């Protein structure tokens, strides 16, 4: 003999399909400032790291001078910033695609 009697499960007369509850998207302003700071840190950090080495910026005999080395350092730093920006763009595209598929 069971301790508690069994109850029959009540079933609704009409089954209602459960719709997914979608949250309201946040405004875009909350992530714009951190992305700008992140790109700035990537560019500034790369510049600081590469310009701190005096062997890279000192002119060597037979070269065009320190201007060429500094130009390459600047190009590398801007490429690092562009890479961070591309990663953020990829993240946003993935988020937008997932939101569209859920809707």
PDB file of N, CA and C in Angstrom:
ATOM      1  N   UNK A   1       0.837  -1.173   0.000  1.00  0.00           N
ATOM      2  CA  UNK A   1       0.000   0.000   0.000  1.00  0.00           C
ATOM      3  C   UNK A   1       0.885   1.240   0.000  1.00  0.00           C
ATOM      4  N   UNK A   2       0.712   2.142  -0.997  1.00  0.00           N
ATOM      5  CA  UNK A   2       1.539   3.350  -1.050  1.00  0.00           C
ATOM      6  C   UNK A   2       1.200   4.302   0.092  1.00  0.00           C
ATOM      7  N   UNK A   3       2.192   5.114   0.413  1.00  0.00           N
ATOM      8  CA  UNK A   3       1.973   6.071   1.500  1.00  0.00           C
ATOM      9  C   UNK A   3       0.991   7.165   1.108  1.00  0.00           C
ATOM     10  N   UNK A   4       1.100   7.620  -0.118  1.00  0.00           N
ATOM     11  CA  UNK A   4       0.189   8.664  -0.601  1.00  0.00           C
ATOM     12  C   UNK A   4      -0.596   8.124  -1.785  1.00  0.00           C
ATOM     13  N   UNK A   5      -1.882   8.459  -1.862  1.00  0.00           N
ATOM     14  CA  UNK A   5      -2.649   7.995  -3.019  1.00  0.00           C
ATOM     15  C   UNK A   5      -2.196   8.712  -4.281  1.00  0.00           C
ATOM     16  N   UNK A   6      -2.271   8.026  -5.399  1.00  0.00           N
ATOM     17  CA  UNK A   6      -1.885   8.627  -6.669  1.00  0.00           C
ATOM     18  C   UNK A   6      -3.005   9.508  -7.192  1.00  0.00           C
ATOM     19  N   UNK A   7      -2.601  10.617  -7.731  1.00  0.00           N
ATOM     20  CA  UNK A   7      -3.579  11.519  -8.330  1.00  0.00           C
ATOM     21  C   UNK A   7      -3.410  11.482  -9.834  1.00  0.00           C
ATOM     22  N   UNK A   8      -4.511  11.623 -10.499  1.00  0.00           N
ATOM     23  CA  UNK A   8      -4.445  11.703 -11.946  1.00  0.00           C
ATOM     24  C   UNK A   8      -3.984  13.104 -12.343  1.00  0.00           C
ATOM     25  N   UNK A   9      -3.130  13.127 -13.334  1.00  0.00           N
ATOM     26  CA  UNK A   9      -2.660  14.425 -13.822  1.00  0.00           C
ATOM     27  C   UNK A   9      -3.757  15.073 -14.636  1.00  0.00           C
ATOM     28  N   UNK A  10      -4.013  16.303 -14.354  1.00  0.00           N
ATOM     29  CA  UNK A  10      -5.009  17.040 -15.115  1.00  0.00           C
ATOM     30  C   UNK A  10      -4.367  17.569 -16.381  1.00  0.00           C
ATOM     31  N   UNK A  11      -5.014  17.335 -17.463  1.00  0.00           N
ATOM     32  CA  UNK A  11      -4.515  17.813 -18.746  1.00  0.00           C
ATOM     33  C   UNK A  11      -5.447  18.896 -19.252  1.00  0.00           C
ATOM     34  N   UNK A  12      -4.864  19.967 -19.784  1.00  0.00           N
ATOM     35  CA  UNK A  12      -5.738  21.011 -20.322  1.00  0.00           C
ATOM     36  C   UNK A  12      -6.452  20.505 -21.572  1.00  0.00           C
ATOM     37  N   UNK A  13      -7.621  21.048 -21.782  1.00  0.00           N
ATOM     38  CA  UNK A  13      -8.411  20.625 -22.935  1.00  0.00           C
ATOM     39  C   UNK A  13      -7.725  21.011 -24.241  1.00  0.00           C
ATOM     40  N   UNK A  14      -7.082  22.130 -24.264  1.00  0.00           N
ATOM     41  CA  UNK A  14      -6.405  22.609 -25.472  1.00  0.00           C
ATOM     42  C   UNK A  14      -4.935  22.807 -25.127  1.00  0.00           C
ATOM     43  N   UNK A  15      -4.076  22.200 -25.915  1.00  0.00           N
ATOM     44  CA  UNK A  15      -2.641  22.362 -25.698  1.00  0.00           C
ATOM     45  C   UNK A  15      -2.200  23.677 -26.345  1.00  0.00           C
ATOM     46  N   UNK A  16      -1.516  24.493 -25.585  1.00  0.00           N
ATOM     47  CA  UNK A  16      -1.032  25.775 -26.079  1.00  0.00           C
ATOM     48  C   UNK A  16       0.459  25.631 -26.342  1.00  0.00           C
ATOM     49  N   UNK A  17       0.858  26.006 -27.552  1.00  0.00           N
ATOM     50  CA  UNK A  17       2.276  25.925 -27.898  1.00  0.00           C
ATOM     51  C   UNK A  17       3.035  26.998 -27.134  1.00  0.00           C
ATOM     52  N   UNK A  18       4.125  26.606 -26.536  1.00  0.00           N
ATOM     53  CA  UNK A  18       4.934  27.550 -25.772  1.00  0.00           C
ATOM     54  C   UNK A  18       5.792  28.366 -26.734  1.00  0.00           C
ATOM     55  N   UNK A  19       5.595  29.653 -26.705  1.00  0.00           N
ATOM     56  CA  UNK A  19       6.400  30.547 -27.531  1.00  0.00           C
ATOM     57  C   UNK A  19       7.659  30.923 -26.768  1.00  0.00           C
ATOM     58  N   UNK A  20       8.784  31.007 -27.458  1.00  0.00           N
ATOM     59  CA  UNK A  20      10.002  31.407 -26.747  1.00  0.00           C
ATOM     60  C   UNK A  20       9.893  32.850 -26.284  1.00  0.00           C
ATOM     61  N   UNK A  21      10.319  33.079 -25.075  1.00  0.00           N
ATOM     62  CA  UNK A  21      10.292  34.420 -24.521  1.00  0.00           C
ATOM     63  C   UNK A  21      11.581  35.108 -24.925  1.00  0.00           C
ATOM     64  N   UNK A  22      11.455  36.180 -25.672  1.00  0.00           N
ATOM     65  CA  UNK A  22      12.644  36.910 -26.128  1.00  0.00           C
ATOM     66  C   UNK A  22      12.834  38.129 -25.249  1.00  0.00           C
ATOM     67  N   UNK A  23      14.056  38.311 -24.812  1.00  0.00           N
ATOM     68  CA  UNK A  23      14.332  39.475 -23.982  1.00  0.00           C
ATOM     69  C   UNK A  23      14.498  40.702 -24.866  1.00  0.00           C
ATOM     70  N   UNK A  24      14.279  41.829 -24.288  1.00  0.00           N
ATOM     71  CA  UNK A  24      14.421  43.084 -25.011  1.00  0.00           C
ATOM     72  C   UNK A  24      15.909  43.385 -25.148  1.00  0.00           C
ATOM     73  N   UNK A  25      16.391  43.636 -26.373  1.00  0.00           N
ATOM     74  CA  UNK A  25      17.817  43.920 -26.522  1.00  0.00           C
ATOM     75  C   UNK A  25      18.202  45.237 -25.851  1.00  0.00           C
ATOM     76  N   UNK A  26      19.396  45.240 -25.307  1.00  0.00           N
ATOM     77  CA  UNK A  26      19.900  46.447 -24.658  1.00  0.00           C
ATOM     78  C   UNK A  26      20.339  47.458 -25.712  1.00  0.00           C
ATOM     79  N   UNK A  27      20.337  48.709 -25.363  1.00  0.00           N
ATOM     80  CA  UNK A  27      20.825  49.713 -26.319  1.00  0.00           C
ATOM     81  C   UNK A  27      22.299  49.499 -26.642  1.00  0.00           C
ATOM     82  N   UNK A  28      22.701  49.947 -27.808  1.00  0.00           N
ATOM     83  CA  UNK A  28      24.069  49.724 -28.270  1.00  0.00           C
ATOM     84  C   UNK A  28      25.093  50.591 -27.540  1.00  0.00           C
ATOM     85  N   UNK A  29      24.660  51.591 -26.830  1.00  0.00           N
ATOM     86  CA  UNK A  29      25.605  52.515 -26.194  1.00  0.00           C
ATOM     87  C   UNK A  29      26.446  51.843 -25.112  1.00  0.00           C
ATOM     88  N   UNK A  30      25.986  50.764 -24.521  1.00  0.00           N
ATOM     89  CA  UNK A  30      26.725  50.145 -23.423  1.00  0.00           C
ATOM     90  C   UNK A  30      27.997  49.472 -23.899  1.00  0.00           C
ATOM     91  N   UNK A  31      28.130  49.118 -25.153  1.00  0.00           N
ATOM     92  CA  UNK A  31      29.337  48.421 -25.618  1.00  0.00           C
ATOM     93  C   UNK A  31      30.201  49.273 -26.529  1.00  0.00           C
ATOM     94  N   UNK A  32      29.744  50.419 -26.982  1.00  0.00           N
ATOM     95  CA  UNK A  32      30.539  51.249 -27.890  1.00  0.00           C
ATOM     96  C   UNK A  32      31.792  51.784 -27.188  1.00  0.00           C
ATOM     97  N   UNK A  33      31.636  52.318 -25.997  1.00  0.00           N
ATOM     98  CA  UNK A  33      32.774  52.892 -25.270  1.00  0.00           C
ATOM     99  C   UNK A  33      33.815  51.814 -24.927  1.00  0.00           C
ATOM    100  N   UNK A  34      33.420  50.641 -24.393  1.00  0.00           N
ATOM    101  CA  UNK A  34      34.456  49.621 -24.128  1.00  0.00           C
ATOM    102  C   UNK A  34      35.180  49.143 -25.383  1.00  0.00           C
ATOM    103  N   UNK A  35      34.499  49.084 -26.514  1.00  0.00           N
ATOM    104  CA  UNK A  35      35.163  48.663 -27.755  1.00  0.00           C
ATOM    105  C   UNK A  35      36.185  49.710 -28.185  1.00  0.00           C
ATOM    106  N   UNK A  36      35.833  50.975 -28.091  1.00  0.00           N
ATOM    107  CA  UNK A  36      36.777  52.038 -28.445  1.00  0.00           C
ATOM    108  C   UNK A  36      37.995  51.988 -27.521  1.00  0.00           C
ATOM    109  N   UNK A  37      37.753  51.775 -26.239  1.00  0.00           N
ATOM    110  CA  UNK A  37      38.870  51.676 -25.283  1.00  0.00           C
ATOM    111  C   UNK A  37      39.729  50.449 -25.591  1.00  0.00           C
ATOM    112  N   UNK A  38      39.097  49.332 -25.928  1.00  0.00           N
ATOM    113  CA  UNK A  38      39.847  48.112 -26.223  1.00  0.00           C
ATOM    114  C   UNK A  38      40.729  48.276 -27.460  1.00  0.00           C
ATOM    115  N   UNK A  39      40.208  48.886 -28.497  1.00  0.00           N
ATOM    116  CA  UNK A  39      41.013  49.130 -29.701  1.00  0.00           C
ATOM    117  C   UNK A  39      42.155  50.102 -29.384  1.00  0.00           C
ATOM    118  N   UNK A  40      41.865  51.137 -28.602  1.00  0.00           N
ATOM    119  CA  UNK A  40      42.912  52.087 -28.213  1.00  0.00           C
ATOM    120  C   UNK A  40      44.007  51.440 -27.386  1.00  0.00           C
ATOM    121  N   UNK A  41      43.618  50.543 -26.494  1.00  0.00           N
ATOM    122  CA  UNK A  41      44.610  49.837 -25.679  1.00  0.00           C
ATOM    123  C   UNK A  41      45.456  48.918 -26.552  1.00  0.00           C
ATOM    124  N   UNK A  42      44.840  48.274 -27.539  1.00  0.00           N
ATOM    125  CA  UNK A  42      45.600  47.394 -28.426  1.00  0.00           C
ATOM    126  C   UNK A  42      46.630  48.191 -29.230  1.00  0.00           C
ATOM    127  N   UNK A  43      46.206  49.328 -29.780  1.00  0.00           N
ATOM    128  CA  UNK A  43      47.133  50.158 -30.572  1.00  0.00           C
ATOM    129  C   UNK A  43      48.206  50.760 -29.669  1.00  0.00           C
ATOM    130  N   UNK A  44      47.788  51.356 -28.569  1.00  0.00           N
ATOM    131  CA  UNK A  44      48.746  51.992 -27.663  1.00  0.00           C
ATOM    132  C   UNK A  44      49.712  50.998 -27.038  1.00  0.00           C
ATOM    133  N   UNK A  45      49.190  49.839 -26.637  1.00  0.00           N
ATOM    134  CA  UNK A  45      50.061  48.828 -26.042  1.00  0.00           C
ATOM    135  C   UNK A  45      51.088  48.294 -27.027  1.00  0.00           C
ATOM    136  N   UNK A  46      50.658  48.086 -28.269  1.00  0.00           N
ATOM    137  CA  UNK A  46      51.601  47.610 -29.283  1.00  0.00           C
ATOM    138  C   UNK A  46      52.659  48.664 -29.585  1.00  0.00           C
ATOM    139  N   UNK A  47      52.228  49.921 -29.703  1.00  0.00           N
ATOM    140  CA  UNK A  47      53.205  50.999 -29.925  1.00  0.00           C
ATOM    141  C   UNK A  47      54.200  51.082 -28.770  1.00  0.00           C
ATOM    142  N   UNK A  48      53.703  51.052 -27.551  1.00  0.00           N
ATOM    143  CA  UNK A  48      54.574  51.156 -26.386  1.00  0.00           C
ATOM    144  C   UNK A  48      55.547  49.989 -26.329  1.00  0.00           C
ATOM    145  N   UNK A  49      55.043  48.793 -26.606  1.00  0.00           N
ATOM    146  CA  UNK A  49      55.880  47.597 -26.547  1.00  0.00           C
ATOM    147  C   UNK A  49      56.980  47.636 -27.605  1.00  0.00           C
ATOM    148  N   UNK A  50      56.636  48.051 -28.824  1.00  0.00           N
ATOM    149  CA  UNK A  50      57.633  48.057 -29.894  1.00  0.00           C
ATOM    150  C   UNK A  50      58.562  49.267 -29.836  1.00  0.00           C
ATOM    151  N   UNK A  51      58.059  50.422 -29.415  1.00  0.00           N
ATOM    152  CA  UNK A  51      58.914  51.605 -29.344  1.00  0.00           C
ATOM    153  C   UNK A  51      59.826  51.587 -28.123  1.00  0.00           C
ATOM    154  N   UNK A  52      59.567  50.722 -27.150  1.00  0.00           N
ATOM    155  CA  UNK A  52      60.413  50.642 -25.963  1.00  0.00           C
ATOM    156  C   UNK A  52      61.763  49.998 -26.283  1.00  0.00           C
ATOM    157  N   UNK A  53      61.854  49.277 -27.383  1.00  0.00           N
ATOM    158  CA  UNK A  53      63.104  48.623 -27.769  1.00  0.00           C
ATOM    159  C   UNK A  53      63.942  49.601 -28.591  1.00  0.00           C
ATOM    160  N   UNK A  54      65.067  50.105 -28.049  1.00  0.00           N
ATOM    161  CA  UNK A  54      65.853  51.091 -28.798  1.00  0.00           C
ATOM    162  C   UNK A  54      66.516  50.496 -30.038  1.00  0.00           C
ATOM    163  N   UNK A  55      66.686  49.198 -30.097  1.00  0.00           N
ATOM    164  CA  UNK A  55      67.311  48.586 -31.272  1.00  0.00           C
ATOM    165  C   UNK A  55      66.393  48.693 -32.501  1.00  0.00           C
ATOM    166  N   UNK A  56      65.097  48.753 -32.282  1.00  0.00           N
ATOM    167  CA  UNK A  56      64.169  48.855 -33.409  1.00  0.00           C
ATOM    168  C   UNK A  56      64.093  50.264 -33.975  1.00  0.00           C
ATOM    169  N   UNK A  57      64.289  51.266 -33.119  1.00  0.00           N
ATOM    170  CA  UNK A  57      64.125  52.648 -33.569  1.00  0.00           C
ATOM    171  C   UNK A  57      65.444  53.332 -33.919  1.00  0.00           C
ATOM    172  N   UNK A  58      66.568  52.752 -33.570  1.00  0.00           N
ATOM    173  CA  UNK A  58      67.859  53.377 -33.871  1.00  0.00           C
ATOM    174  C   UNK A  58      68.207  53.157 -35.341  1.00  0.00           C
ATOM    175  N   UNK A  59      68.705  54.198 -36.002  1.00  0.00           N
ATOM    176  CA  UNK A  59      69.093  54.020 -37.397  1.00  0.00           C
ATOM    177  C   UNK A  59      70.338  53.143 -37.504  1.00  0.00           C
ATOM    178  N   UNK A  60      70.340  52.298 -38.479  1.00  0.00           N
ATOM    179  CA  UNK A  60      71.494  51.439 -38.718  1.00  0.00           C
ATOM    180  C   UNK A  60      72.216  51.936 -39.961  1.00  0.00           C
ATOM    181  N   UNK A  61      73.519  51.696 -40.058  1.00  0.00           N
ATOM    182  CA  UNK A  61      74.233  52.144 -41.253  1.00  0.00           C
ATOM    183  C   UNK A  61      73.706  51.447 -42.499  1.00  0.00           C
ATOM    184  N   UNK A  62      73.483  52.214 -43.521  1.00  0.00           N
ATOM    185  CA  UNK A  62      73.003  51.668 -44.781  1.00  0.00           C
ATOM    186  C   UNK A  62      71.490  51.573 -44.876  1.00  0.00           C
ATOM    187  N   UNK A  63      70.772  52.010 -43.846  1.00  0.00           N
ATOM    188  CA  UNK A  63      69.305  51.965 -43.896  1.00  0.00           C
ATOM    189  C   UNK A  63      68.781  53.368 -44.143  1.00  0.00           C
ATOM    190  N   UNK A  64      67.514  53.464 -44.386  1.00  0.00           N
ATOM    191  CA  UNK A  64      66.899  54.764 -44.652  1.00  0.00           C
ATOM    192  C   UNK A  64      66.718  55.574 -43.378  1.00  0.00           C
ATOM    193  N   UNK A  65      66.957  54.997 -42.233  1.00  0.00           N
ATOM    194  CA  UNK A  65      66.853  55.731 -40.979  1.00  0.00           C
ATOM    195  C   UNK A  65      65.767  55.165 -40.090  1.00  0.00           C
ATOM    196  N   UNK A  66      65.542  55.882 -38.982  1.00  0.00           N
ATOM    197  CA  UNK A  66      64.568  55.425 -37.998  1.00  0.00           C
ATOM    198  C   UNK A  66      63.147  55.622 -38.482  1.00  0.00           C
ATOM    199  N   UNK A  67      62.943  56.474 -39.471  1.00  0.00           N
ATOM    200  CA  UNK A  67      61.589  56.731 -39.968  1.00  0.00           C
ATOM    201  C   UNK A  67      60.944  55.481 -40.543  1.00  0.00           C
ATOM    202  N   UNK A  68      61.711  54.658 -41.211  1.00  0.00           N
ATOM    203  CA  UNK A  68      61.176  53.429 -41.795  1.00  0.00           C
ATOM    204  C   UNK A  68      60.777  52.448 -40.697  1.00  0.00           C
ATOM    205  N   UNK A  69      61.624  52.313 -39.678  1.00  0.00           N
ATOM    206  CA  UNK A  69      61.309  51.399 -38.583  1.00  0.00           C
ATOM    207  C   UNK A  69      60.075  51.878 -37.822  1.00  0.00           C
ATOM    208  N   UNK A  70      59.988  53.182 -37.589  1.00  0.00           N
ATOM    209  CA  UNK A  70      58.816  53.710 -36.886  1.00  0.00           C
ATOM    210  C   UNK A  70      57.549  53.541 -37.716  1.00  0.00           C
ATOM    211  N   UNK A  71      57.667  53.655 -39.014  1.00  0.00           N
ATOM    212  CA  UNK A  71      56.504  53.436 -39.876  1.00  0.00           C
ATOM    213  C   UNK A  71      56.017  52.001 -39.813  1.00  0.00           C
ATOM    214  N   UNK A  72      56.955  51.077 -39.783  1.00  0.00           N
ATOM    215  CA  UNK A  72      56.574  49.666 -39.667  1.00  0.00           C
ATOM    216  C   UNK A  72      55.956  49.367 -38.300  1.00  0.00           C
ATOM    217  N   UNK A  73      56.490  50.006 -37.260  1.00  0.00           N
ATOM    218  CA  UNK A  73      55.918  49.821 -35.923  1.00  0.00           C
ATOM    219  C   UNK A  73      54.498  50.369 -35.883  1.00  0.00           C
ATOM    220  N   UNK A  74      54.290  51.540 -36.464  1.00  0.00           N
ATOM    221  CA  UNK A  74      52.953  52.121 -36.506  1.00  0.00           C
ATOM    222  C   UNK A  74      52.004  51.234 -37.311  1.00  0.00           C
ATOM    223  N   UNK A  75      52.464  50.702 -38.414  1.00  0.00           N
ATOM    224  CA  UNK A  75      51.635  49.813 -39.234  1.00  0.00           C
ATOM    225  C   UNK A  75      51.244  48.550 -38.448  1.00  0.00           C
ATOM    226  N   UNK A  76      52.185  47.998 -37.685  1.00  0.00           N
ATOM    227  CA  UNK A  76      51.901  46.818 -36.872  1.00  0.00           C
ATOM    228  C   UNK A  76      50.882  47.139 -35.781  1.00  0.00           C
ATOM    229  N   UNK A  77      51.031  48.301 -35.141  1.00  0.00           N
ATOM    230  CA  UNK A  77      50.094  48.690 -34.082  1.00  0.00           C
ATOM    231  C   UNK A  77      48.692  48.896 -34.635  1.00  0.00           C
ATOM    232  N   UNK A  78      48.579  49.529 -35.790  1.00  0.00           N
ATOM    233  CA  UNK A  78      47.262  49.738 -36.387  1.00  0.00           C
ATOM    234  C   UNK A  78      46.650  48.415 -36.843  1.00  0.00           C
ATOM    235  N   UNK A  79      47.474  47.482 -37.278  1.00  0.00           N
ATOM    236  CA  UNK A  79      46.960  46.160 -37.641  1.00  0.00           C
ATOM    237  C   UNK A  79      46.434  45.431 -36.410  1.00  0.00           C
ATOM    238  N   UNK A  80      47.096  45.601 -35.262  1.00  0.00           N
ATOM    239  CA  UNK A  80      46.600  44.992 -34.021  1.00  0.00           C
ATOM    240  C   UNK A  80      45.244  45.585 -33.644  1.00  0.00           C
ATOM    241  N   UNK A  81      45.098  46.895 -33.765  1.00  0.00           N
ATOM    242  CA  UNK A  81      43.812  47.540 -33.491  1.00  0.00           C
ATOM    243  C   UNK A  81      42.732  47.090 -34.461  1.00  0.00           C
ATOM    244  N   UNK A  82      43.092  46.928 -35.733  1.00  0.00           N
ATOM    245  CA  UNK A  82      42.125  46.447 -36.726  1.00  0.00           C
ATOM    246  C   UNK A  82      41.712  45.008 -36.426  1.00  0.00           C
ATOM    247  N   UNK A  83      42.630  44.210 -35.934  1.00  0.00           N
ATOM    248  CA  UNK A  83      42.296  42.829 -35.563  1.00  0.00           C
ATOM    249  C   UNK A  83      41.304  42.771 -34.415  1.00  0.00           C
ATOM    250  N   UNK A  84      41.491  43.631 -33.420  1.00  0.00           N
ATOM    251  CA  UNK A  84      40.539  43.687 -32.304  1.00  0.00           C
ATOM    252  C   UNK A  84      39.179  44.164 -32.808  1.00  0.00           C
ATOM    253  N   UNK A  85      39.174  45.165 -33.670  1.00  0.00           N
ATOM    254  CA  UNK A  85      37.911  45.642 -34.241  1.00  0.00           C
ATOM    255  C   UNK A  85      37.214  44.577 -35.072  1.00  0.00           C
ATOM    256  N   UNK A  86      37.978  43.784 -35.809  1.00  0.00           N
ATOM    257  CA  UNK A  86      37.391  42.699 -36.606  1.00  0.00           C
ATOM    258  C   UNK A  86      36.799  41.623 -35.701  1.00  0.00           C
ATOM    259  N   UNK A  87      37.448  41.333 -34.586  1.00  0.00           N
ATOM    260  CA  UNK A  87      36.914  40.333 -33.649  1.00  0.00           C
ATOM    261  C   UNK A  87      35.594  40.811 -33.046  1.00  0.00           C
ATOM    262  N   UNK A  88      35.497  42.089 -32.718  1.00  0.00           N
ATOM    263  CA  UNK A  88      34.256  42.635 -32.179  1.00  0.00           C
ATOM    264  C   UNK A  88      33.166  42.595 -33.242  1.00  0.00           C
ATOM    265  N   UNK A  89      33.510  42.914 -34.482  1.00  0.00           N
ATOM    266  CA  UNK A  89      32.537  42.856 -35.570  1.00  0.00           C
ATOM    267  C   UNK A  89      32.026  41.437 -35.776  1.00  0.00           C
ATOM    268  N   UNK A  90      32.914  40.461 -35.699  1.00  0.00           N
ATOM    269  CA  UNK A  90      32.502  39.063 -35.827  1.00  0.00           C
ATOM    270  C   UNK A  90      31.565  38.655 -34.696  1.00  0.00           C
ATOM    271  N   UNK A  91      31.847  39.111 -33.479  1.00  0.00           N
ATOM    272  CA  UNK A  91      30.985  38.808 -32.352  1.00  0.00           C
ATOM    273  C   UNK A  91      29.587  39.396 -32.554  1.00  0.00           C
ATOM    274  N   UNK A  92      29.521  40.631 -33.029  1.00  0.00           N
ATOM    275  CA  UNK A  92      28.226  41.265 -33.261  1.00  0.00           C
ATOM    276  C   UNK A  92      27.457  40.584 -34.389  1.00  0.00           C
ATOM    277  N   UNK A  93      28.144  40.159 -35.440  1.00  0.00           N
ATOM    278  CA  UNK A  93      27.468  39.454 -36.537  1.00  0.00           C
ATOM    279  C   UNK A  93      26.906  38.123 -36.046  1.00  0.00           C
ATOM    280  N   UNK A  94      27.661  37.413 -35.203  1.00  0.00           N
ATOM    281  CA  UNK A  94      27.171  36.158 -34.643  1.00  0.00           C
ATOM    282  C   UNK A  94      25.950  36.395 -33.774  1.00  0.00           C
ATOM    283  N   UNK A  95      25.985  37.448 -32.953  1.00  0.00           N
ATOM    284  CA  UNK A  95      24.849  37.782 -32.081  1.00  0.00           C
ATOM    285  C   UNK A  95      23.615  38.129 -32.900  1.00  0.00           C
ATOM    286  N   UNK A  96      23.792  38.918 -33.946  1.00  0.00           N
ATOM    287  CA  UNK A  96      22.671  39.305 -34.800  1.00  0.00           C
ATOM    288  C   UNK A  96      22.075  38.081 -35.503  1.00  0.00           C
ATOM    289  N   UNK A  97      22.927  37.182 -35.996  1.00  0.00           N
ATOM    290  CA  UNK A  97      22.436  35.979 -36.672  1.00  0.00           C
ATOM    291  C   UNK A  97      21.660  35.092 -35.706  1.00  0.00           C
ATOM    292  N   UNK A  98      22.178  34.920 -34.499  1.00  0.00           N
ATOM    293  CA  UNK A  98      21.480  34.084 -33.512  1.00  0.00           C
ATOM    294  C   UNK A  98      20.135  34.697 -33.127  1.00  0.00           C
ATOM    295  N   UNK A  99      20.088  36.021 -33.019  1.00  0.00           N
ATOM    296  CA  UNK A  99      18.838  36.697 -32.680  1.00  0.00           C
ATOM    297  C   UNK A  99      17.827  36.547 -33.817  1.00  0.00           C
ATOM    298  N   UNK A 100      18.271  36.644 -35.052  1.00  0.00           N
ATOM    299  CA  UNK A 100      17.371  36.489 -36.193  1.00  0.00           C
ATOM    300  C   UNK A 100      16.834  35.074 -36.297  1.00  0.00           C
ATOM    301  N   UNK A 101      17.675  34.072 -36.019  1.00  0.00           N
ATOM    302  CA  UNK A 101      17.222  32.696 -36.090  1.00  0.00           C
ATOM    303  C   UNK A 101      16.262  32.364 -34.963  1.00  0.00           C
ATOM    304  N   UNK A 102      16.434  32.986 -33.800  1.00  0.00           N
ATOM    305  CA  UNK A 102      15.522  32.735 -32.688  1.00  0.00           C
ATOM    306  C   UNK A 102      14.158  33.363 -32.952  1.00  0.00           C
ATOM    307  N   UNK A 103      14.138  34.453 -33.693  1.00  0.00           N
ATOM    308  CA  UNK A 103      12.874  35.147 -33.981  1.00  0.00           C
ATOM    309  C   UNK A 103      12.181  34.489 -35.087  1.00  0.00           C
TER     310      UNK A 103
END
